[in-house]
């Protein structure tokens, strides 16, 4: 497959170009804070393929001066997020997290019979 092309099934799709979006993004860089943020992101590129994504995230947060991080994740990744949370906590970050099931309608709300739940007798999102 040619670089810049995408495949859906057996069909090769041409790249989608939206020149107006690039121009809009460049206009947003006229704002000083947006420009500083973009520059800090670009500074992390020096470490491309030298750091893990977690290390890159910590580098960016250090450059930006962040001390509190928010993690949004699928409930199916709870174990992995617990490990990630521990890494960030050990580095001195404060963590706030929310799962995809936050505020979700429960199987109880839709009348799912107990025998069809993952664990009978418990509220199942």
PDB file of N, CA and C in Angstrom:
ATOM      1  N   UNK A   1       0.853  -1.175   0.000  1.00  0.00           N
ATOM      2  CA  UNK A   1       0.000   0.000   0.000  1.00  0.00           C
ATOM      3  C   UNK A   1       0.902   1.242   0.000  1.00  0.00           C
ATOM      4  N   UNK A   2       0.511   2.236  -0.762  1.00  0.00           N
ATOM      5  CA  UNK A   2       1.270   3.474  -0.833  1.00  0.00           C
ATOM      6  C   UNK A   2       1.083   4.267   0.454  1.00  0.00           C
ATOM      7  N   UNK A   3       2.151   4.926   0.902  1.00  0.00           N
ATOM      8  CA  UNK A   3       2.063   5.767   2.084  1.00  0.00           C
ATOM      9  C   UNK A   3       1.057   6.889   1.833  1.00  0.00           C
ATOM     10  N   UNK A   4       0.244   7.182   2.830  1.00  0.00           N
ATOM     11  CA  UNK A   4      -0.749   8.235   2.680  1.00  0.00           C
ATOM     12  C   UNK A   4      -2.070   7.725   2.136  1.00  0.00           C
ATOM     13  N   UNK A   5      -2.166   6.425   1.880  1.00  0.00           N
ATOM     14  CA  UNK A   5      -3.412   5.829   1.399  1.00  0.00           C
ATOM     15  C   UNK A   5      -3.924   4.868   2.449  1.00  0.00           C
ATOM     16  N   UNK A   6      -5.204   4.690   2.473  1.00  0.00           N
ATOM     17  CA  UNK A   6      -5.833   3.830   3.459  1.00  0.00           C
ATOM     18  C   UNK A   6      -6.615   2.745   2.758  1.00  0.00           C
ATOM     19  N   UNK A   7      -6.745   1.624   3.418  1.00  0.00           N
ATOM     20  CA  UNK A   7      -7.443   0.511   2.811  1.00  0.00           C
ATOM     21  C   UNK A   7      -8.669   0.156   3.630  1.00  0.00           C
ATOM     22  N   UNK A   8      -9.785  -0.058   2.931  1.00  0.00           N
ATOM     23  CA  UNK A   8     -11.009  -0.531   3.547  1.00  0.00           C
ATOM     24  C   UNK A   8     -11.381  -1.790   2.783  1.00  0.00           C
ATOM     25  N   UNK A   9     -11.203  -2.940   3.438  1.00  0.00           N
ATOM     26  CA  UNK A   9     -11.418  -4.192   2.728  1.00  0.00           C
ATOM     27  C   UNK A   9     -10.398  -4.302   1.613  1.00  0.00           C
ATOM     28  N   UNK A  10     -10.847  -4.575   0.400  1.00  0.00           N
ATOM     29  CA  UNK A  10      -9.936  -4.670  -0.740  1.00  0.00           C
ATOM     30  C   UNK A  10      -9.792  -3.328  -1.460  1.00  0.00           C
ATOM     31  N   UNK A  11     -10.557  -2.328  -1.034  1.00  0.00           N
ATOM     32  CA  UNK A  11     -10.558  -1.029  -1.693  1.00  0.00           C
ATOM     33  C   UNK A  11      -9.486  -0.111  -1.098  1.00  0.00           C
ATOM     34  N   UNK A  12      -8.633   0.453  -1.949  1.00  0.00           N
ATOM     35  CA  UNK A  12      -7.629   1.417  -1.501  1.00  0.00           C
ATOM     36  C   UNK A  12      -8.230   2.805  -1.652  1.00  0.00           C
ATOM     37  N   UNK A  13      -8.224   3.547  -0.562  1.00  0.00           N
ATOM     38  CA  UNK A  13      -8.833   4.879  -0.551  1.00  0.00           C
ATOM     39  C   UNK A  13      -7.759   5.952  -0.644  1.00  0.00           C
ATOM     40  N   UNK A  14      -7.997   7.013  -1.378  1.00  0.00           N
ATOM     41  CA  UNK A  14      -7.019   8.107  -1.438  1.00  0.00           C
ATOM     42  C   UNK A  14      -7.010   8.867  -0.112  1.00  0.00           C
ATOM     43  N   UNK A  15      -5.916   9.551   0.178  1.00  0.00           N
ATOM     44  CA  UNK A  15      -5.887  10.336   1.419  1.00  0.00           C
ATOM     45  C   UNK A  15      -6.912  11.467   1.357  1.00  0.00           C
ATOM     46  N   UNK A  16      -7.418  11.816   2.509  1.00  0.00           N
ATOM     47  CA  UNK A  16      -8.355  12.937   2.604  1.00  0.00           C
ATOM     48  C   UNK A  16      -7.544  14.180   2.926  1.00  0.00           C
ATOM     49  N   UNK A  17      -7.698  15.193   2.134  1.00  0.00           N
ATOM     50  CA  UNK A  17      -6.990  16.447   2.410  1.00  0.00           C
ATOM     51  C   UNK A  17      -8.016  17.530   2.689  1.00  0.00           C
ATOM     52  N   UNK A  18      -7.718  18.304   3.695  1.00  0.00           N
ATOM     53  CA  UNK A  18      -8.585  19.424   4.070  1.00  0.00           C
ATOM     54  C   UNK A  18      -7.695  20.637   4.333  1.00  0.00           C
ATOM     55  N   UNK A  19      -7.256  21.290   3.280  1.00  0.00           N
ATOM     56  CA  UNK A  19      -6.336  22.426   3.428  1.00  0.00           C
ATOM     57  C   UNK A  19      -6.869  23.500   4.364  1.00  0.00           C
ATOM     58  N   UNK A  20      -8.173  23.697   4.405  1.00  0.00           N
ATOM     59  CA  UNK A  20      -8.744  24.714   5.278  1.00  0.00           C
ATOM     60  C   UNK A  20      -8.467  24.438   6.739  1.00  0.00           C
ATOM     61  N   UNK A  21      -8.421  23.160   7.122  1.00  0.00           N
ATOM     62  CA  UNK A  21      -8.145  22.816   8.520  1.00  0.00           C
ATOM     63  C   UNK A  21      -6.730  23.221   8.920  1.00  0.00           C
ATOM     64  N   UNK A  22      -5.780  23.033   8.019  1.00  0.00           N
ATOM     65  CA  UNK A  22      -4.390  23.421   8.302  1.00  0.00           C
ATOM     66  C   UNK A  22      -4.306  24.928   8.489  1.00  0.00           C
ATOM     67  N   UNK A  23      -4.968  25.663   7.639  1.00  0.00           N
ATOM     68  CA  UNK A  23      -4.955  27.126   7.757  1.00  0.00           C
ATOM     69  C   UNK A  23      -5.614  27.560   9.065  1.00  0.00           C
ATOM     70  N   UNK A  24      -6.719  26.914   9.443  1.00  0.00           N
ATOM     71  CA  UNK A  24      -7.375  27.221  10.720  1.00  0.00           C
ATOM     72  C   UNK A  24      -6.441  26.945  11.890  1.00  0.00           C
ATOM     73  N   UNK A  25      -5.718  25.825  11.814  1.00  0.00           N
ATOM     74  CA  UNK A  25      -4.778  25.469  12.886  1.00  0.00           C
ATOM     75  C   UNK A  25      -3.663  26.508  12.980  1.00  0.00           C
ATOM     76  N   UNK A  26      -3.154  26.943  11.842  1.00  0.00           N
ATOM     77  CA  UNK A  26      -2.094  27.956  11.848  1.00  0.00           C
ATOM     78  C   UNK A  26      -2.586  29.264  12.465  1.00  0.00           C
ATOM     79  N   UNK A  27      -3.838  29.611  12.211  1.00  0.00           N
ATOM     80  CA  UNK A  27      -4.405  30.822  12.816  1.00  0.00           C
ATOM     81  C   UNK A  27      -4.458  30.700  14.340  1.00  0.00           C
ATOM     82  N   UNK A  28      -4.770  29.509  14.820  1.00  0.00           N
ATOM     83  CA  UNK A  28      -4.829  29.296  16.274  1.00  0.00           C
ATOM     84  C   UNK A  28      -3.451  29.463  16.920  1.00  0.00           C
ATOM     85  N   UNK A  29      -2.389  29.250  16.137  1.00  0.00           N
ATOM     86  CA  UNK A  29      -1.038  29.415  16.659  1.00  0.00           C
ATOM     87  C   UNK A  29      -0.666  30.876  16.869  1.00  0.00           C
ATOM     88  N   UNK A  30      -1.494  31.790  16.393  1.00  0.00           N
ATOM     89  CA  UNK A  30      -1.244  33.210  16.653  1.00  0.00           C
ATOM     90  C   UNK A  30      -1.486  33.545  18.119  1.00  0.00           C
ATOM     91  N   UNK A  31      -2.312  32.732  18.799  1.00  0.00           N
ATOM     92  CA  UNK A  31      -2.520  32.900  20.229  1.00  0.00           C
ATOM     93  C   UNK A  31      -1.258  32.422  20.957  1.00  0.00           C
ATOM     94  N   UNK A  32      -0.705  33.251  21.842  1.00  0.00           N
ATOM     95  CA  UNK A  32       0.579  32.964  22.490  1.00  0.00           C
ATOM     96  C   UNK A  32       0.565  31.654  23.274  1.00  0.00           C
ATOM     97  N   UNK A  33      -0.513  31.387  24.001  1.00  0.00           N
ATOM     98  CA  UNK A  33      -0.566  30.155  24.799  1.00  0.00           C
ATOM     99  C   UNK A  33      -0.641  28.928  23.894  1.00  0.00           C
ATOM    100  N   UNK A  34      -1.425  29.006  22.835  1.00  0.00           N
ATOM    101  CA  UNK A  34      -1.483  27.895  21.874  1.00  0.00           C
ATOM    102  C   UNK A  34      -0.117  27.640  21.255  1.00  0.00           C
ATOM    103  N   UNK A  35       0.586  28.723  20.931  1.00  0.00           N
ATOM    104  CA  UNK A  35       1.918  28.594  20.330  1.00  0.00           C
ATOM    105  C   UNK A  35       2.889  27.940  21.308  1.00  0.00           C
ATOM    106  N   UNK A  36       2.879  28.373  22.577  1.00  0.00           N
ATOM    107  CA  UNK A  36       3.780  27.773  23.575  1.00  0.00           C
ATOM    108  C   UNK A  36       3.473  26.287  23.763  1.00  0.00           C
ATOM    109  N   UNK A  37       2.190  25.937  23.795  1.00  0.00           N
ATOM    110  CA  UNK A  37       1.809  24.530  23.943  1.00  0.00           C
ATOM    111  C   UNK A  37       2.318  23.719  22.758  1.00  0.00           C
ATOM    112  N   UNK A  38       2.100  24.220  21.547  1.00  0.00           N
ATOM    113  CA  UNK A  38       2.555  23.521  20.342  1.00  0.00           C
ATOM    114  C   UNK A  38       4.079  23.381  20.339  1.00  0.00           C
ATOM    115  N   UNK A  39       4.782  24.412  20.782  1.00  0.00           N
ATOM    116  CA  UNK A  39       6.241  24.342  20.844  1.00  0.00           C
ATOM    117  C   UNK A  39       6.700  23.289  21.849  1.00  0.00           C
ATOM    118  N   UNK A  40       6.017  23.215  22.998  1.00  0.00           N
ATOM    119  CA  UNK A  40       6.384  22.198  23.991  1.00  0.00           C
ATOM    120  C   UNK A  40       6.140  20.789  23.460  1.00  0.00           C
ATOM    121  N   UNK A  41       5.057  20.603  22.740  1.00  0.00           N
ATOM    122  CA  UNK A  41       4.810  19.301  22.115  1.00  0.00           C
ATOM    123  C   UNK A  41       5.947  18.999  21.136  1.00  0.00           C
ATOM    124  N   UNK A  42       6.311  19.971  20.315  1.00  0.00           N
ATOM    125  CA  UNK A  42       7.382  19.763  19.334  1.00  0.00           C
ATOM    126  C   UNK A  42       8.710  19.466  20.021  1.00  0.00           C
ATOM    127  N   UNK A  43       8.948  20.033  21.206  1.00  0.00           N
ATOM    128  CA  UNK A  43      10.191  19.758  21.941  1.00  0.00           C
ATOM    129  C   UNK A  43      10.304  18.285  22.315  1.00  0.00           C
ATOM    130  N   UNK A  44       9.178  17.627  22.519  1.00  0.00           N
ATOM    131  CA  UNK A  44       9.219  16.205  22.892  1.00  0.00           C
ATOM    132  C   UNK A  44       9.647  15.336  21.713  1.00  0.00           C
ATOM    133  N   UNK A  45       9.550  15.849  20.500  1.00  0.00           N
ATOM    134  CA  UNK A  45       9.897  15.058  19.316  1.00  0.00           C
ATOM    135  C   UNK A  45      11.375  14.706  19.262  1.00  0.00           C
ATOM    136  N   UNK A  46      12.231  15.466  19.961  1.00  0.00           N
ATOM    137  CA  UNK A  46      13.660  15.135  20.016  1.00  0.00           C
ATOM    138  C   UNK A  46      13.866  13.739  20.596  1.00  0.00           C
ATOM    139  N   UNK A  47      12.930  13.321  21.427  1.00  0.00           N
ATOM    140  CA  UNK A  47      13.035  12.027  22.104  1.00  0.00           C
ATOM    141  C   UNK A  47      12.281  10.922  21.367  1.00  0.00           C
ATOM    142  N   UNK A  48      11.828  11.207  20.144  1.00  0.00           N
ATOM    143  CA  UNK A  48      11.053  10.244  19.374  1.00  0.00           C
ATOM    144  C   UNK A  48      11.776   8.902  19.305  1.00  0.00           C
ATOM    145  N   UNK A  49      11.064   7.861  19.658  1.00  0.00           N
ATOM    146  CA  UNK A  49      11.547   6.481  19.667  1.00  0.00           C
ATOM    147  C   UNK A  49      12.610   6.215  20.720  1.00  0.00           C
ATOM    148  N   UNK A  50      12.897   7.189  21.584  1.00  0.00           N
ATOM    149  CA  UNK A  50      13.829   6.979  22.691  1.00  0.00           C
ATOM    150  C   UNK A  50      13.070   6.768  23.992  1.00  0.00           C
ATOM    151  N   UNK A  51      11.865   7.318  24.057  1.00  0.00           N
ATOM    152  CA  UNK A  51      11.045   7.235  25.264  1.00  0.00           C
ATOM    153  C   UNK A  51       9.770   6.457  24.974  1.00  0.00           C
ATOM    154  N   UNK A  52       9.198   5.888  26.028  1.00  0.00           N
ATOM    155  CA  UNK A  52       7.877   5.285  25.891  1.00  0.00           C
ATOM    156  C   UNK A  52       6.849   6.406  25.833  1.00  0.00           C
ATOM    157  N   UNK A  53       5.616   6.082  25.467  1.00  0.00           N
ATOM    158  CA  UNK A  53       4.552   7.093  25.429  1.00  0.00           C
ATOM    159  C   UNK A  53       4.319   7.674  26.826  1.00  0.00           C
ATOM    160  N   UNK A  54       4.446   6.847  27.842  1.00  0.00           N
ATOM    161  CA  UNK A  54       4.271   7.340  29.214  1.00  0.00           C
ATOM    162  C   UNK A  54       5.371   8.333  29.548  1.00  0.00           C
ATOM    163  N   UNK A  55       6.608   8.013  29.184  1.00  0.00           N
ATOM    164  CA  UNK A  55       7.722   8.935  29.432  1.00  0.00           C
ATOM    165  C   UNK A  55       7.555  10.228  28.632  1.00  0.00           C
ATOM    166  N   UNK A  56       7.071  10.113  27.392  1.00  0.00           N
ATOM    167  CA  UNK A  56       6.809  11.312  26.588  1.00  0.00           C
ATOM    168  C   UNK A  56       5.748  12.180  27.250  1.00  0.00           C
ATOM    169  N   UNK A  57       4.720  11.537  27.789  1.00  0.00           N
ATOM    170  CA  UNK A  57       3.660  12.281  28.481  1.00  0.00           C
ATOM    171  C   UNK A  57       4.230  13.006  29.691  1.00  0.00           C
ATOM    172  N   UNK A  58       5.074  12.323  30.448  1.00  0.00           N
ATOM    173  CA  UNK A  58       5.676  12.967  31.618  1.00  0.00           C
ATOM    174  C   UNK A  58       6.586  14.123  31.214  1.00  0.00           C
ATOM    175  N   UNK A  59       7.310  13.970  30.110  1.00  0.00           N
ATOM    176  CA  UNK A  59       8.154  15.055  29.617  1.00  0.00           C
ATOM    177  C   UNK A  59       7.301  16.268  29.245  1.00  0.00           C
ATOM    178  N   UNK A  60       6.222  16.042  28.515  1.00  0.00           N
ATOM    179  CA  UNK A  60       5.347  17.155  28.131  1.00  0.00           C
ATOM    180  C   UNK A  60       4.740  17.815  29.364  1.00  0.00           C
ATOM    181  N   UNK A  61       4.297  17.030  30.331  1.00  0.00           N
ATOM    182  CA  UNK A  61       3.702  17.626  31.530  1.00  0.00           C
ATOM    183  C   UNK A  61       4.735  18.426  32.315  1.00  0.00           C
ATOM    184  N   UNK A  62       5.978  17.965  32.282  1.00  0.00           N
ATOM    185  CA  UNK A  62       7.054  18.722  32.934  1.00  0.00           C
ATOM    186  C   UNK A  62       7.281  20.056  32.216  1.00  0.00           C
ATOM    187  N   UNK A  63       7.324  20.004  30.892  1.00  0.00           N
ATOM    188  CA  UNK A  63       7.511  21.229  30.109  1.00  0.00           C
ATOM    189  C   UNK A  63       6.363  22.216  30.325  1.00  0.00           C
ATOM    190  N   UNK A  64       5.152  21.699  30.470  1.00  0.00           N
ATOM    191  CA  UNK A  64       3.968  22.534  30.647  1.00  0.00           C
ATOM    192  C   UNK A  64       3.759  22.929  32.109  1.00  0.00           C
ATOM    193  N   UNK A  65       4.466  22.294  33.032  1.00  0.00           N
ATOM    194  CA  UNK A  65       4.314  22.628  34.446  1.00  0.00           C
ATOM    195  C   UNK A  65       3.071  22.021  35.080  1.00  0.00           C
ATOM    196  N   UNK A  66       2.535  20.962  34.482  1.00  0.00           N
ATOM    197  CA  UNK A  66       1.339  20.323  35.025  1.00  0.00           C
ATOM    198  C   UNK A  66       1.704  19.429  36.196  1.00  0.00           C
ATOM    199  N   UNK A  67       0.842  19.424  37.202  1.00  0.00           N
ATOM    200  CA  UNK A  67       1.042  18.545  38.348  1.00  0.00           C
ATOM    201  C   UNK A  67      -0.158  17.632  38.573  1.00  0.00           C
ATOM    202  N   UNK A  68      -1.245  17.915  37.878  1.00  0.00           N
ATOM    203  CA  UNK A  68      -2.468  17.129  38.015  1.00  0.00           C
ATOM    204  C   UNK A  68      -2.862  16.629  36.632  1.00  0.00           C
ATOM    205  N   UNK A  69      -3.088  15.329  36.520  1.00  0.00           N
ATOM    206  CA  UNK A  69      -3.432  14.723  35.242  1.00  0.00           C
ATOM    207  C   UNK A  69      -4.791  14.052  35.317  1.00  0.00           C
ATOM    208  N   UNK A  70      -5.516  14.104  34.241  1.00  0.00           N
ATOM    209  CA  UNK A  70      -6.795  13.413  34.134  1.00  0.00           C
ATOM    210  C   UNK A  70      -6.670  12.229  33.201  1.00  0.00           C
ATOM    211  N   UNK A  71      -7.168  11.090  33.637  1.00  0.00           N
ATOM    212  CA  UNK A  71      -7.147   9.883  32.813  1.00  0.00           C
ATOM    213  C   UNK A  71      -8.584   9.475  32.513  1.00  0.00           C
ATOM    214  N   UNK A  72      -8.895   9.332  31.252  1.00  0.00           N
ATOM    215  CA  UNK A  72     -10.206   8.872  30.812  1.00  0.00           C
ATOM    216  C   UNK A  72      -9.978   7.537  30.122  1.00  0.00           C
ATOM    217  N   UNK A  73     -10.716   6.510  30.521  1.00  0.00           N
ATOM    218  CA  UNK A  73     -10.417   5.189  29.979  1.00  0.00           C
ATOM    219  C   UNK A  73     -11.639   4.288  29.944  1.00  0.00           C
ATOM    220  N   UNK A  74     -11.542   3.265  29.115  1.00  0.00           N
ATOM    221  CA  UNK A  74     -12.567   2.230  29.040  1.00  0.00           C
ATOM    222  C   UNK A  74     -12.440   1.337  30.272  1.00  0.00           C
ATOM    223  N   UNK A  75     -13.557   1.011  30.862  1.00  0.00           N
ATOM    224  CA  UNK A  75     -13.564   0.197  32.072  1.00  0.00           C
ATOM    225  C   UNK A  75     -12.820  -1.126  31.866  1.00  0.00           C
ATOM    226  N   UNK A  76     -12.749  -1.593  30.633  1.00  0.00           N
ATOM    227  CA  UNK A  76     -12.018  -2.824  30.325  1.00  0.00           C
ATOM    228  C   UNK A  76     -10.514  -2.700  30.524  1.00  0.00           C
ATOM    229  N   UNK A  77     -10.021  -1.470  30.656  1.00  0.00           N
ATOM    230  CA  UNK A  77      -8.591  -1.242  30.872  1.00  0.00           C
ATOM    231  C   UNK A  77      -8.282  -0.842  32.315  1.00  0.00           C
ATOM    232  N   UNK A  78      -9.169  -1.153  33.229  1.00  0.00           N
ATOM    233  CA  UNK A  78      -9.002  -0.735  34.627  1.00  0.00           C
ATOM    234  C   UNK A  78      -7.683  -1.196  35.233  1.00  0.00           C
ATOM    235  N   UNK A  79      -7.287  -2.440  34.991  1.00  0.00           N
ATOM    236  CA  UNK A  79      -6.030  -2.944  35.557  1.00  0.00           C
ATOM    237  C   UNK A  79      -4.835  -2.177  35.015  1.00  0.00           C
ATOM    238  N   UNK A  80      -4.838  -1.935  33.704  1.00  0.00           N
ATOM    239  CA  UNK A  80      -3.729  -1.200  33.097  1.00  0.00           C
ATOM    240  C   UNK A  80      -3.677   0.240  33.603  1.00  0.00           C
ATOM    241  N   UNK A  81      -4.837   0.850  33.758  1.00  0.00           N
ATOM    242  CA  UNK A  81      -4.884   2.240  34.234  1.00  0.00           C
ATOM    243  C   UNK A  81      -4.430   2.316  35.687  1.00  0.00           C
ATOM    244  N   UNK A  82      -4.706   1.297  36.473  1.00  0.00           N
ATOM    245  CA  UNK A  82      -4.218   1.282  37.858  1.00  0.00           C
ATOM    246  C   UNK A  82      -2.685   1.285  37.869  1.00  0.00           C
ATOM    247  N   UNK A  83      -2.083   0.497  36.985  1.00  0.00           N
ATOM    248  CA  UNK A  83      -0.617   0.487  36.909  1.00  0.00           C
ATOM    249  C   UNK A  83      -0.093   1.845  36.442  1.00  0.00           C
ATOM    250  N   UNK A  84      -0.734   2.426  35.421  1.00  0.00           N
ATOM    251  CA  UNK A  84      -0.333   3.734  34.919  1.00  0.00           C
ATOM    252  C   UNK A  84      -0.489   4.798  36.003  1.00  0.00           C
ATOM    253  N   UNK A  85      -1.589   4.733  36.732  1.00  0.00           N
ATOM    254  CA  UNK A  85      -1.815   5.672  37.830  1.00  0.00           C
ATOM    255  C   UNK A  85      -0.686   5.585  38.844  1.00  0.00           C
ATOM    256  N   UNK A  86      -0.268   4.366  39.181  1.00  0.00           N
ATOM    257  CA  UNK A  86       0.829   4.192  40.132  1.00  0.00           C
ATOM    258  C   UNK A  86       2.122   4.809  39.619  1.00  0.00           C
ATOM    259  N   UNK A  87       2.389   4.675  38.323  1.00  0.00           N
ATOM    260  CA  UNK A  87       3.590   5.285  37.734  1.00  0.00           C
ATOM    261  C   UNK A  87       3.533   6.802  37.915  1.00  0.00           C
ATOM    262  N   UNK A  88       2.399   7.409  37.568  1.00  0.00           N
ATOM    263  CA  UNK A  88       2.268   8.860  37.694  1.00  0.00           C
ATOM    264  C   UNK A  88       2.317   9.305  39.160  1.00  0.00           C
ATOM    265  N   UNK A  89       1.665   8.564  40.042  1.00  0.00           N
ATOM    266  CA  UNK A  89       1.705   8.914  41.469  1.00  0.00           C
ATOM    267  C   UNK A  89       3.129   8.858  41.999  1.00  0.00           C
ATOM    268  N   UNK A  90       3.881   7.848  41.592  1.00  0.00           N
ATOM    269  CA  UNK A  90       5.276   7.729  42.032  1.00  0.00           C
ATOM    270  C   UNK A  90       6.144   8.867  41.514  1.00  0.00           C
ATOM    271  N   UNK A  91       5.714   9.508  40.438  1.00  0.00           N
ATOM    272  CA  UNK A  91       6.441  10.657  39.893  1.00  0.00           C
ATOM    273  C   UNK A  91       5.942  11.977  40.489  1.00  0.00           C
ATOM    274  N   UNK A  92       5.005  11.894  41.427  1.00  0.00           N
ATOM    275  CA  UNK A  92       4.539  13.083  42.125  1.00  0.00           C
ATOM    276  C   UNK A  92       3.317  13.758  41.532  1.00  0.00           C
ATOM    277  N   UNK A  93       2.670  13.141  40.558  1.00  0.00           N
ATOM    278  CA  UNK A  93       1.473  13.724  39.960  1.00  0.00           C
ATOM    279  C   UNK A  93       0.239  13.410  40.796  1.00  0.00           C
ATOM    280  N   UNK A  94      -0.734  14.297  40.726  1.00  0.00           N
ATOM    281  CA  UNK A  94      -2.060  14.026  41.268  1.00  0.00           C
ATOM    282  C   UNK A  94      -2.887  13.516  40.090  1.00  0.00           C
ATOM    283  N   UNK A  95      -3.694  12.492  40.332  1.00  0.00           N
ATOM    284  CA  UNK A  95      -4.446  11.869  39.251  1.00  0.00           C
ATOM    285  C   UNK A  95      -5.936  11.934  39.530  1.00  0.00           C
ATOM    286  N   UNK A  96      -6.691  12.281  38.499  1.00  0.00           N
ATOM    287  CA  UNK A  96      -8.149  12.234  38.527  1.00  0.00           C
ATOM    288  C   UNK A  96      -8.534  11.360  37.342  1.00  0.00           C
ATOM    289  N   UNK A  97      -9.420  10.387  37.561  1.00  0.00           N
ATOM    290  CA  UNK A  97      -9.777   9.515  36.448  1.00  0.00           C
ATOM    291  C   UNK A  97     -11.279   9.290  36.382  1.00  0.00           C
ATOM    292  N   UNK A  98     -11.715   8.909  35.196  1.00  0.00           N
ATOM    293  CA  UNK A  98     -13.121   8.607  34.964  1.00  0.00           C
ATOM    294  C   UNK A  98     -13.183   7.513  33.906  1.00  0.00           C
ATOM    295  N   UNK A  99     -14.123   6.591  34.078  1.00  0.00           N
ATOM    296  CA  UNK A  99     -14.268   5.504  33.110  1.00  0.00           C
ATOM    297  C   UNK A  99     -15.363   5.811  32.102  1.00  0.00           C
ATOM    298  N   UNK A 100     -15.388   5.015  31.061  1.00  0.00           N
ATOM    299  CA  UNK A 100     -16.410   5.169  30.030  1.00  0.00           C
ATOM    300  C   UNK A 100     -17.804   4.906  30.597  1.00  0.00           C
ATOM    301  N   UNK A 101     -17.901   4.227  31.719  1.00  0.00           N
ATOM    302  CA  UNK A 101     -19.200   3.895  32.294  1.00  0.00           C
ATOM    303  C   UNK A 101     -19.698   4.971  33.263  1.00  0.00           C
ATOM    304  N   UNK A 102     -18.942   6.031  33.429  1.00  0.00           N
ATOM    305  CA  UNK A 102     -19.355   7.107  34.324  1.00  0.00           C
ATOM    306  C   UNK A 102     -20.656   7.711  33.811  1.00  0.00           C
ATOM    307  N   UNK A 103     -21.682   7.653  34.623  1.00  0.00           N
ATOM    308  CA  UNK A 103     -22.968   8.209  34.238  1.00  0.00           C
ATOM    309  C   UNK A 103     -23.760   7.327  33.294  1.00  0.00           C
ATOM    310  N   UNK A 104     -23.296   6.099  33.092  1.00  0.00           N
ATOM    311  CA  UNK A 104     -23.954   5.202  32.136  1.00  0.00           C
ATOM    312  C   UNK A 104     -25.280   4.677  32.681  1.00  0.00           C
ATOM    313  N   UNK A 105     -26.124   4.281  31.775  1.00  0.00           N
ATOM    314  CA  UNK A 105     -27.371   3.615  32.146  1.00  0.00           C
ATOM    315  C   UNK A 105     -27.013   2.188  32.536  1.00  0.00           C
ATOM    316  N   UNK A 106     -27.518   1.746  33.653  1.00  0.00           N
ATOM    317  CA  UNK A 106     -27.223   0.418  34.160  1.00  0.00           C
ATOM    318  C   UNK A 106     -28.109  -0.630  33.505  1.00  0.00           C
ATOM    319  N   UNK A 107     -27.634  -1.865  33.523  1.00  0.00           N
ATOM    320  CA  UNK A 107     -28.469  -2.970  33.048  1.00  0.00           C
ATOM    321  C   UNK A 107     -29.708  -3.107  33.916  1.00  0.00           C
ATOM    322  N   UNK A 108     -29.626  -2.634  35.172  1.00  0.00           N
ATOM    323  CA  UNK A 108     -30.802  -2.620  36.047  1.00  0.00           C
ATOM    324  C   UNK A 108     -31.865  -1.674  35.484  1.00  0.00           C
ATOM    325  N   UNK A 109     -31.411  -0.544  34.934  1.00  0.00           N
ATOM    326  CA  UNK A 109     -32.335   0.446  34.379  1.00  0.00           C
ATOM    327  C   UNK A 109     -33.077  -0.078  33.155  1.00  0.00           C
ATOM    328  N   UNK A 110     -32.474  -1.047  32.475  1.00  0.00           N
ATOM    329  CA  UNK A 110     -33.117  -1.588  31.272  1.00  0.00           C
ATOM    330  C   UNK A 110     -33.796  -2.921  31.520  1.00  0.00           C
ATOM    331  N   UNK A 111     -33.853  -3.314  32.806  1.00  0.00           N
ATOM    332  CA  UNK A 111     -34.589  -4.519  33.168  1.00  0.00           C
ATOM    333  C   UNK A 111     -33.910  -5.825  32.783  1.00  0.00           C
ATOM    334  N   UNK A 112     -32.582  -5.844  32.737  1.00  0.00           N
ATOM    335  CA  UNK A 112     -31.873  -7.081  32.409  1.00  0.00           C
ATOM    336  C   UNK A 112     -32.077  -8.092  33.531  1.00  0.00           C
ATOM    337  N   UNK A 113     -32.537  -9.296  33.208  1.00  0.00           N
ATOM    338  CA  UNK A 113     -32.721 -10.318  34.249  1.00  0.00           C
ATOM    339  C   UNK A 113     -31.401 -10.638  34.946  1.00  0.00           C
ATOM    340  N   UNK A 114     -31.467 -10.924  36.238  1.00  0.00           N
ATOM    341  CA  UNK A 114     -30.276 -11.207  37.047  1.00  0.00           C
ATOM    342  C   UNK A 114     -29.405 -12.293  36.419  1.00  0.00           C
ATOM    343  N   UNK A 115     -30.019 -13.325  35.869  1.00  0.00           N
ATOM    344  CA  UNK A 115     -29.238 -14.439  35.318  1.00  0.00           C
ATOM    345  C   UNK A 115     -28.451 -14.053  34.063  1.00  0.00           C
ATOM    346  N   UNK A 116     -28.778 -12.914  33.461  1.00  0.00           N
ATOM    347  CA  UNK A 116     -28.058 -12.460  32.273  1.00  0.00           C
ATOM    348  C   UNK A 116     -26.933 -11.482  32.598  1.00  0.00           C
ATOM    349  N   UNK A 117     -26.802 -11.086  33.863  1.00  0.00           N
ATOM    350  CA  UNK A 117     -25.751 -10.156  34.269  1.00  0.00           C
ATOM    351  C   UNK A 117     -24.401 -10.868  34.350  1.00  0.00           C
ATOM    352  N   UNK A 118     -23.366 -10.084  34.283  1.00  0.00           N
ATOM    353  CA  UNK A 118     -22.014 -10.620  34.437  1.00  0.00           C
ATOM    354  C   UNK A 118     -21.861 -11.255  35.805  1.00  0.00           C
ATOM    355  N   UNK A 119     -22.327 -10.545  36.844  1.00  0.00           N
ATOM    356  CA  UNK A 119     -22.323 -11.068  38.214  1.00  0.00           C
ATOM    357  C   UNK A 119     -23.708 -10.825  38.786  1.00  0.00           C
ATOM    358  N   UNK A 120     -24.412 -11.908  39.071  1.00  0.00           N
ATOM    359  CA  UNK A 120     -25.762 -11.769  39.596  1.00  0.00           C
ATOM    360  C   UNK A 120     -25.767 -11.048  40.939  1.00  0.00           C
ATOM    361  N   UNK A 121     -26.791 -10.220  41.132  1.00  0.00           N
ATOM    362  CA  UNK A 121     -26.958  -9.516  42.394  1.00  0.00           C
ATOM    363  C   UNK A 121     -26.234  -8.188  42.502  1.00  0.00           C
ATOM    364  N   UNK A 122     -25.488  -7.821  41.470  1.00  0.00           N
ATOM    365  CA  UNK A 122     -24.754  -6.562  41.500  1.00  0.00           C
ATOM    366  C   UNK A 122     -25.229  -5.664  40.372  1.00  0.00           C
ATOM    367  N   UNK A 123     -25.123  -4.355  40.631  1.00  0.00           N
ATOM    368  CA  UNK A 123     -25.458  -3.374  39.600  1.00  0.00           C
ATOM    369  C   UNK A 123     -24.407  -3.467  38.498  1.00  0.00           C
ATOM    370  N   UNK A 124     -24.857  -3.656  37.296  1.00  0.00           N
ATOM    371  CA  UNK A 124     -23.952  -3.799  36.158  1.00  0.00           C
ATOM    372  C   UNK A 124     -24.144  -2.614  35.220  1.00  0.00           C
ATOM    373  N   UNK A 125     -23.090  -1.843  34.978  1.00  0.00           N
ATOM    374  CA  UNK A 125     -23.237  -0.719  34.056  1.00  0.00           C
ATOM    375  C   UNK A 125     -23.611  -1.184  32.662  1.00  0.00           C
TER     376      UNK A 125
END
